[in-house]
C-alpha atoms as a PDB file:
ATOM      1  CA  MET A   1     -19.798 205.891  23.437  1.00  0.00           C
ATOM      2  CA  GLU A   2     -17.943 204.900  26.597  1.00  0.00           C
ATOM      3  CA  THR A   3     -18.397 206.906  29.748  1.00  0.00           C
ATOM      4  CA  TYR A   4     -15.442 208.207  31.755  1.00  0.00           C
ATOM      5  CA  ASN A   5     -15.818 205.565  34.458  1.00  0.00           C
ATOM      6  CA  THR A   6     -15.787 202.622  32.043  1.00  0.00           C
ATOM      7  CA  ILE A   7     -12.592 203.496  30.172  1.00  0.00           C
ATOM      8  CA  PRO A   8      -9.785 201.183  31.355  1.00  0.00           C
ATOM      9  CA  ILE A   9      -6.840 202.956  32.978  1.00  0.00           C
ATOM     10  CA  TRP A  10      -4.391 201.673  30.338  1.00  0.00           C
ATOM     11  CA  LYS A  11      -6.448 203.417  27.621  1.00  0.00           C
ATOM     12  CA  LYS A  12      -6.659 206.818  29.318  1.00  0.00           C
ATOM     13  CA  ILE A  13      -4.378 209.614  28.187  1.00  0.00           C
ATOM     14  CA  ASN A  14      -4.203 211.257  31.613  1.00  0.00           C
ATOM     15  CA  LEU A  15      -4.631 209.750  35.058  1.00  0.00           C
ATOM     16  CA  THR A  16      -5.529 211.233  38.405  1.00  0.00           C
ATOM     17  CA  ILE A  17      -3.061 210.688  41.237  1.00  0.00           C
ATOM     18  CA  ASN A  18      -5.363 207.977  42.645  1.00  0.00           C
ATOM     19  CA  GLU A  19      -5.531 206.175  39.297  1.00  0.00           C
ATOM     20  CA  ALA A  20      -1.749 206.439  38.842  1.00  0.00           C
ATOM     21  CA  ALA A  21      -1.244 205.026  42.344  1.00  0.00           C
ATOM     22  CA  ARG A  22      -3.486 202.026  41.598  1.00  0.00           C
ATOM     23  CA  TYR A  23      -1.877 201.573  38.172  1.00  0.00           C
ATOM     24  CA  SER A  24       1.725 201.679  39.412  1.00  0.00           C
ATOM     25  CA  GLY A  25       1.557 200.429  42.987  1.00  0.00           C
ATOM     26  CA  ILE A  26       3.273 203.612  44.183  1.00  0.00           C
ATOM     27  CA  GLY A  27       1.613 205.434  47.072  1.00  0.00           C
ATOM     28  CA  ARG A  28      -0.291 208.681  46.554  1.00  0.00           C
ATOM     29  CA  ASP A  29       2.030 210.676  48.827  1.00  0.00           C
ATOM     30  CA  LYS A  30       5.109 209.509  46.924  1.00  0.00           C
ATOM     31  CA  LEU A  31       3.450 210.332  43.583  1.00  0.00           C
ATOM     32  CA  TYR A  32       2.601 213.841  44.822  1.00  0.00           C
ATOM     33  CA  GLU A  33       6.205 214.256  45.967  1.00  0.00           C
ATOM     34  CA  ILE A  34       7.580 213.191  42.574  1.00  0.00           C
ATOM     35  CA  ALA A  35       4.978 215.219  40.654  1.00  0.00           C
ATOM     36  CA  LYS A  36       5.883 218.413  42.515  1.00  0.00           C
ATOM     37  CA  THR A  37       9.541 218.288  41.465  1.00  0.00           C
ATOM     38  CA  PRO A  38      10.421 220.998  38.927  1.00  0.00           C
ATOM     39  CA  HIS A  39      10.062 219.983  35.270  1.00  0.00           C
ATOM     40  CA  CYS A  40       8.549 216.582  36.061  1.00  0.00           C
ATOM     41  CA  PRO A  41       8.131 215.023  32.584  1.00  0.00           C
ATOM     42  CA  PHE A  42       4.766 213.350  33.178  1.00  0.00           C
ATOM     43  CA  VAL A  43       2.787 216.049  34.999  1.00  0.00           C
ATOM     44  CA  LEU A  44      -0.062 218.043  33.527  1.00  0.00           C
ATOM     45  CA  LYS A  45      -1.411 220.784  35.779  1.00  0.00           C
ATOM     46  CA  ASN A  46      -5.005 221.855  35.381  1.00  0.00           C
ATOM     47  CA  GLY A  47      -5.296 224.765  37.784  1.00  0.00           C
ATOM     48  CA  SER A  48      -4.561 223.232  41.180  1.00  0.00           C
ATOM     49  CA  HIS A  49      -5.243 219.685  39.945  1.00  0.00           C
ATOM     50  CA  ILE A  50      -2.368 217.412  39.018  1.00  0.00           C
ATOM     51  CA  LEU A  51      -2.861 214.890  36.239  1.00  0.00           C
ATOM     52  CA  ILE A  52      -0.381 212.244  35.166  1.00  0.00           C
ATOM     53  CA  LYS A  53       0.381 211.761  31.463  1.00  0.00           C
ATOM     54  CA  ARG A  54       0.134 207.968  31.363  1.00  0.00           C
ATOM     55  CA  GLU A  55       2.559 207.235  28.516  1.00  0.00           C
ATOM     56  CA  LYS A  56       5.231 209.635  29.853  1.00  0.00           C
ATOM     57  CA  PHE A  57       4.713 208.118  33.315  1.00  0.00           C
ATOM     58  CA  GLU A  58       5.238 204.618  31.906  1.00  0.00           C
ATOM     59  CA  GLU A  59       8.462 205.784  30.196  1.00  0.00           C
ATOM     60  CA  TYR A  60       9.651 207.381  33.448  1.00  0.00           C
ATOM     61  CA  MET A  61       8.898 204.191  35.398  1.00  0.00           C
ATOM     62  CA  ALA A  62      10.818 202.087  32.868  1.00  0.00           C
ATOM     63  CA  GLN A  63      13.929 204.237  33.343  1.00  0.00           C
ATOM     64  CA  ILE A  64      14.143 204.507  37.142  1.00  0.00           C
ATOM     65  CA  THR A  65      15.464 201.822  39.487  1.00  0.00           C
ATOM     66  CA  GLU A  66      14.002 203.044  42.799  1.00  0.00           C
ATOM     67  CA  VAL A  67      11.322 205.415  44.064  1.00  0.00           C
END
């Protein structure tokens, strides 16, 4: 069984903001700004923690032309 730290980012269902920043090349502050917009399609909130739904995030990134 793989441990959490050895699972590649592209196989994870949800990403932390730091992982999403490394994965996308978008800065953490910008990701927080986008994630805090109402009804953001790729955000999963776990209490005060923000997680990024990787597949929805990829779809979102494919549709936008600027950040």
